[in-house]
């Protein structure tokens, strides 16, 4: 059993290793984007740091909006079923778009008088990154929990959080070395490009994960003769989208079948 659990953990790990680049960009909201706001026109009683409140407010608004309205409309009206790995891919793409927008805004700031561009022009990039966070962060936590063995759930969740730390370390290292001699707008475009490359790699990893999982499930079905009692990670996520998975699920057997369309 321990060997099987270790193999399943290693099966999920390559997917999680694709997250740090996203977090490297995401956490620049409180640093690079705040510094960008200091060179923009602020409204009455508005401080650059106060723009950081927009992200959590939008998270609280958008999660139920996506869960109850947008996802059902996409699935039932347009036939678009966003399964976990595909959602995470979209999250990375949106993160990249947010930094391209940020780079264009930085160019506008640099080509105009200082403090002449309204700070509220940061709202589009913040909103795009927030939607990307919903696609990747919320789904990623559910994915890590639902596809991990019962005995390894705490370990997988810890590794998921570790990816954030790795992303922050990577960002700090790049800004202290390579990015220190580059134009601010160029840095943001480079970050966006890095995340696009990471997204392409994630697509390859996700496809490999889906193939291995399908083969594993087929072998288990052939061996057992009947695997009807198995609850897949996707089935679990579809029943409880964007909610914490309850403890009674831990008694179920979980696989990652169907995680890619």
Protein backbone atom coordinates (compact mmCIF):
# COMPACT_ATOMS: atom_id res chain seq x y z
CA UNK A 1 0.00 0.00 0.00
CA UNK A 2 2.81 2.40 0.86
CA UNK A 3 4.51 1.72 -2.46
CA UNK A 4 1.25 2.33 -4.30
CA UNK A 5 0.72 5.62 -2.43
CA UNK A 6 4.24 6.76 -3.27
CA UNK A 7 3.72 5.98 -6.96
CA UNK A 8 0.45 7.95 -6.99
CA UNK A 9 2.19 10.90 -5.34
CA UNK A 10 4.95 10.85 -7.95
CA UNK A 11 2.21 10.62 -10.59
CA UNK A 12 0.71 13.95 -9.44
CA UNK A 13 3.99 15.77 -8.70
CA UNK A 14 4.90 16.71 -12.33
CA UNK A 15 1.61 18.60 -12.63
CA UNK A 16 2.32 20.55 -9.44
CA UNK A 17 5.84 21.43 -10.58
CA UNK A 18 4.25 23.57 -13.31
CA UNK A 19 2.73 25.99 -10.73
CA UNK A 20 5.74 28.04 -9.45
CA UNK A 21 6.00 30.28 -12.53
CA UNK A 22 2.36 31.32 -12.12
CA UNK A 23 2.95 32.16 -8.44
CA UNK A 24 6.10 34.07 -9.34
CA UNK A 25 3.92 36.42 -11.41
CA UNK A 26 0.90 36.40 -9.15
CA UNK A 27 2.72 37.62 -6.04
CA UNK A 28 4.14 40.61 -7.91
CA UNK A 29 0.79 42.28 -7.25
CA UNK A 30 2.07 43.33 -3.84
CA UNK A 31 5.48 44.44 -5.04
CA UNK A 32 6.02 45.32 -8.71
CA UNK A 33 2.46 46.44 -9.36
CA UNK A 34 2.41 48.49 -6.13
CA UNK A 35 5.62 50.23 -7.20
CA UNK A 36 4.03 50.82 -10.59
CA UNK A 37 1.08 52.50 -8.83
CA UNK A 38 3.42 54.94 -7.04
CA UNK A 39 4.22 56.50 -10.44
CA UNK A 40 0.55 56.86 -11.41
CA UNK A 41 -2.11 59.45 -10.67
CA UNK A 42 -3.84 58.60 -7.40
CA UNK A 43 -7.34 59.70 -6.48
CA UNK A 44 -8.26 61.55 -3.29
CA UNK A 45 -7.27 59.54 -0.19
CA UNK A 46 -6.04 56.68 -2.41
CA UNK A 47 -2.69 55.05 -1.62
CA UNK A 48 -0.81 52.69 -3.97
CA UNK A 49 -1.08 49.81 -1.47
CA UNK A 50 -4.87 50.12 -1.36
CA UNK A 51 -5.17 48.63 -4.85
CA UNK A 52 -4.20 45.30 -3.25
CA UNK A 53 -7.69 45.06 -1.75
CA UNK A 54 -9.23 44.63 -5.20
CA UNK A 55 -8.00 41.03 -5.64
CA UNK A 56 -9.56 39.53 -2.48
CA UNK A 57 -12.82 41.42 -3.08
CA UNK A 58 -13.01 40.09 -6.63
CA UNK A 59 -12.18 36.57 -5.44
CA UNK A 60 -15.15 36.62 -3.06
CA UNK A 61 -17.40 37.91 -5.84
CA UNK A 62 -16.14 35.79 -8.75
CA UNK A 63 -15.94 32.32 -7.15
CA UNK A 64 -19.72 31.97 -6.66
CA UNK A 65 -20.29 33.76 -9.98
CA UNK A 66 -18.19 31.22 -11.87
CA UNK A 67 -19.50 28.30 -9.84
CA UNK A 68 -23.21 29.02 -10.22
CA UNK A 69 -23.47 30.97 -13.47
CA UNK A 70 -20.47 30.95 -15.80
CA UNK A 71 -19.46 27.26 -15.60
CA UNK A 72 -23.07 26.00 -15.99
CA UNK A 73 -23.66 28.35 -18.95
CA UNK A 74 -20.46 27.22 -20.66
CA UNK A 75 -21.32 23.56 -20.13
CA UNK A 76 -25.06 23.48 -20.83
CA UNK A 77 -25.45 26.24 -23.40
CA UNK A 78 -22.15 26.05 -25.29
CA UNK A 79 -21.08 22.46 -24.57
CA UNK A 80 -17.76 23.59 -23.07
CA UNK A 81 -16.89 21.43 -20.08
CA UNK A 82 -13.90 22.91 -18.25
CA UNK A 83 -12.33 19.95 -16.49
CA UNK A 84 -9.59 20.59 -13.91
CA UNK A 85 -6.44 20.42 -16.01
CA UNK A 86 -7.99 22.56 -18.72
CA UNK A 87 -9.07 25.15 -16.17
CA UNK A 88 -5.53 25.34 -14.84
CA UNK A 89 -4.20 25.86 -18.39
CA UNK A 90 -6.62 28.75 -18.85
CA UNK A 91 -5.49 30.19 -15.52
CA UNK A 92 -1.89 30.29 -16.72
CA UNK A 93 -2.89 31.87 -20.02
CA UNK A 94 -4.86 34.58 -18.20
CA UNK A 95 -1.89 35.22 -15.89
CA UNK A 96 0.30 35.75 -18.95
CA UNK A 97 -2.26 38.11 -20.51
CA UNK A 98 -2.41 40.11 -17.26
CA UNK A 99 1.34 40.72 -17.42
CA UNK A 100 1.27 41.67 -21.09
CA UNK A 101 -1.41 44.25 -20.17
CA UNK A 102 0.77 45.40 -17.25
CA UNK A 103 3.73 45.78 -19.59
CA UNK A 104 1.73 47.91 -22.02
CA UNK A 105 0.54 50.05 -19.10
CA UNK A 106 4.14 50.46 -17.94
CA UNK A 107 5.12 51.68 -21.43
CA UNK A 108 2.29 54.22 -21.29
CA UNK A 109 3.48 55.46 -17.89
CA UNK A 110 7.05 55.83 -19.13
CA UNK A 111 6.03 57.75 -22.27
CA UNK A 112 3.85 60.24 -20.37
CA UNK A 113 4.49 62.66 -17.55
CA UNK A 114 4.91 61.00 -14.17
CA UNK A 115 1.69 60.74 -12.15
CA UNK A 116 -0.43 61.57 -15.21
CA UNK A 117 -1.89 58.08 -15.86
CA UNK A 118 -4.73 57.12 -13.53
CA UNK A 119 -3.99 54.30 -11.11
CA UNK A 120 -7.37 52.80 -11.92
CA UNK A 121 -5.92 51.63 -15.24
CA UNK A 122 -4.43 48.85 -13.14
CA UNK A 123 -7.88 47.38 -12.59
CA UNK A 124 -7.95 45.38 -15.89
CA UNK A 125 -4.69 43.57 -15.16
CA UNK A 126 -5.74 42.88 -11.55
CA UNK A 127 -9.11 41.50 -12.70
CA UNK A 128 -7.59 39.28 -15.39
CA UNK A 129 -5.08 37.85 -12.90
CA UNK A 130 -7.86 37.29 -10.36
CA UNK A 131 -9.83 35.19 -12.86
CA UNK A 132 -6.62 33.30 -13.63
CA UNK A 133 -6.20 32.64 -9.91
CA UNK A 134 -9.71 31.18 -9.74
CA UNK A 135 -8.96 28.87 -12.66
CA UNK A 136 -5.58 27.73 -11.33
CA UNK A 137 -5.40 28.17 -7.56
CA UNK A 138 -8.86 26.97 -6.50
CA UNK A 139 -8.89 24.16 -9.05
CA UNK A 140 -5.29 23.24 -8.24
CA UNK A 141 -6.04 22.76 -4.56
CA UNK A 142 -9.04 20.57 -5.37
CA UNK A 143 -7.00 18.61 -7.90
CA UNK A 144 -4.15 18.01 -5.44
CA UNK A 145 -6.56 16.79 -2.77
CA UNK A 146 -8.82 14.65 -4.94
CA UNK A 147 -6.07 12.83 -6.84
CA UNK A 148 -3.87 12.06 -3.83
CA UNK A 149 -4.04 8.80 -1.82
CA UNK A 150 -5.78 9.00 1.56
CA UNK A 151 -2.50 8.70 3.46
CA UNK A 152 -0.76 11.30 1.30
CA UNK A 153 -3.33 14.10 1.22
CA UNK A 154 -1.53 16.23 3.81
CA UNK A 155 1.78 15.74 2.00
CA UNK A 156 0.31 16.69 -1.39
CA UNK A 157 -1.35 19.80 0.03
CA UNK A 158 1.96 20.78 1.65
CA UNK A 159 3.76 20.32 -1.67
CA UNK A 160 1.09 22.44 -3.36
CA UNK A 161 1.79 25.30 -0.91
CA UNK A 162 5.52 24.75 -1.37
CA UNK A 163 5.10 25.61 -5.05
CA UNK A 164 4.11 29.14 -3.98
CA UNK A 165 7.33 29.51 -1.98
CA UNK A 166 9.40 28.24 -4.91
CA UNK A 167 7.72 30.77 -7.19
CA UNK A 168 8.49 33.64 -4.81
CA UNK A 169 12.11 32.52 -4.45
CA UNK A 170 12.47 32.29 -8.23
CA UNK A 171 11.00 35.76 -8.68
CA UNK A 172 13.30 37.28 -6.07
CA UNK A 173 16.32 35.64 -7.65
CA UNK A 174 15.46 36.89 -11.16
CA UNK A 175 14.74 40.45 -9.99
CA UNK A 176 18.03 40.55 -8.10
CA UNK A 177 20.03 39.35 -11.10
CA UNK A 178 18.75 39.16 -14.67
CA UNK A 179 15.85 41.63 -14.36
CA UNK A 180 17.87 44.29 -12.50
CA UNK A 181 19.32 45.63 -15.76
CA UNK A 182 16.13 45.50 -17.83
CA UNK A 183 13.45 48.10 -18.50
CA UNK A 184 10.35 47.65 -16.29
CA UNK A 185 8.04 47.08 -19.24
CA UNK A 186 10.46 44.56 -20.73
CA UNK A 187 10.56 42.65 -17.45
CA UNK A 188 6.78 42.33 -17.41
CA UNK A 189 6.71 41.11 -21.00
CA UNK A 190 9.47 38.60 -20.23
CA UNK A 191 7.47 37.32 -17.25
CA UNK A 192 4.41 36.94 -19.47
CA UNK A 193 6.48 35.04 -22.03
CA UNK A 194 7.90 32.72 -19.36
CA UNK A 195 4.39 31.84 -18.23
CA UNK A 196 3.32 31.14 -21.82
CA UNK A 197 6.23 28.73 -22.23
CA UNK A 198 5.31 27.17 -18.89
CA UNK A 199 1.71 26.78 -20.12
CA UNK A 200 2.90 24.87 -23.19
CA UNK A 201 4.96 22.55 -20.98
CA UNK A 202 1.98 22.14 -18.66
CA UNK A 203 -0.13 21.01 -21.61
CA UNK A 204 2.37 18.23 -22.36
CA UNK A 205 2.52 17.19 -18.70
CA UNK A 206 -1.27 17.22 -18.41
CA UNK A 207 -1.70 15.01 -21.47
CA UNK A 208 0.88 12.56 -20.13
CA UNK A 209 -0.90 12.55 -16.76
CA UNK A 210 -4.25 11.81 -18.40
CA UNK A 211 -2.77 8.97 -20.51
CA UNK A 212 -1.07 7.34 -17.53
CA UNK A 213 -4.17 7.68 -15.41
CA UNK A 214 -6.38 6.19 -18.11
CA UNK A 215 -4.02 3.24 -18.52
CA UNK A 216 -3.88 2.74 -14.77
CA UNK A 217 -7.64 2.75 -14.47
CA UNK A 218 -8.05 0.34 -17.39
CA UNK A 219 -5.61 -2.07 -15.76
CA UNK A 220 -7.38 -1.79 -12.41
CA UNK A 221 -10.77 -2.39 -14.06
CA UNK A 222 -9.47 -5.45 -15.89
CA UNK A 223 -7.97 -6.84 -12.70
CA UNK A 224 -10.97 -6.19 -10.49
CA UNK A 225 -13.63 -6.97 -13.06
CA UNK A 226 -15.85 -4.27 -11.62
CA UNK A 227 -14.66 -0.83 -10.55
CA UNK A 228 -18.08 0.80 -10.32
CA UNK A 229 -17.51 1.94 -6.76
CA UNK A 230 -14.58 4.13 -7.66
CA UNK A 231 -15.06 7.86 -7.42
CA UNK A 232 -12.95 9.81 -9.87
CA UNK A 233 -11.30 13.10 -9.06
CA UNK A 234 -13.31 14.80 -11.78
CA UNK A 235 -16.61 13.40 -10.54
CA UNK A 236 -15.76 14.71 -7.10
CA UNK A 237 -14.83 18.15 -8.38
CA UNK A 238 -18.00 18.35 -10.49
CA UNK A 239 -20.15 17.53 -7.47
CA UNK A 240 -18.43 20.07 -5.24
CA UNK A 241 -16.93 22.75 -7.53
CA UNK A 242 -14.84 25.39 -5.78
CA UNK A 243 -15.68 24.10 -2.31
CA UNK A 244 -13.50 22.41 0.27
CA UNK A 245 -13.77 18.67 -0.16
CA UNK A 246 -15.45 17.21 2.89
CA UNK A 247 -13.82 14.66 5.10
CA UNK A 248 -16.30 11.91 4.27
CA UNK A 249 -14.79 11.73 0.79
CA UNK A 250 -11.56 10.42 2.27
CA UNK A 251 -13.10 6.96 2.50
CA UNK A 252 -13.63 6.84 -1.25
CA UNK A 253 -11.14 5.56 -3.79
CA UNK A 254 -10.05 8.50 -5.92
CA UNK A 255 -8.41 8.52 -9.34
CA UNK A 256 -7.83 11.26 -11.86
CA UNK A 257 -9.78 9.77 -14.78
CA UNK A 258 -11.14 12.23 -17.26
CA UNK A 259 -9.07 15.19 -16.11
CA UNK A 260 -8.42 16.22 -19.70
CA UNK A 261 -10.94 16.42 -22.53
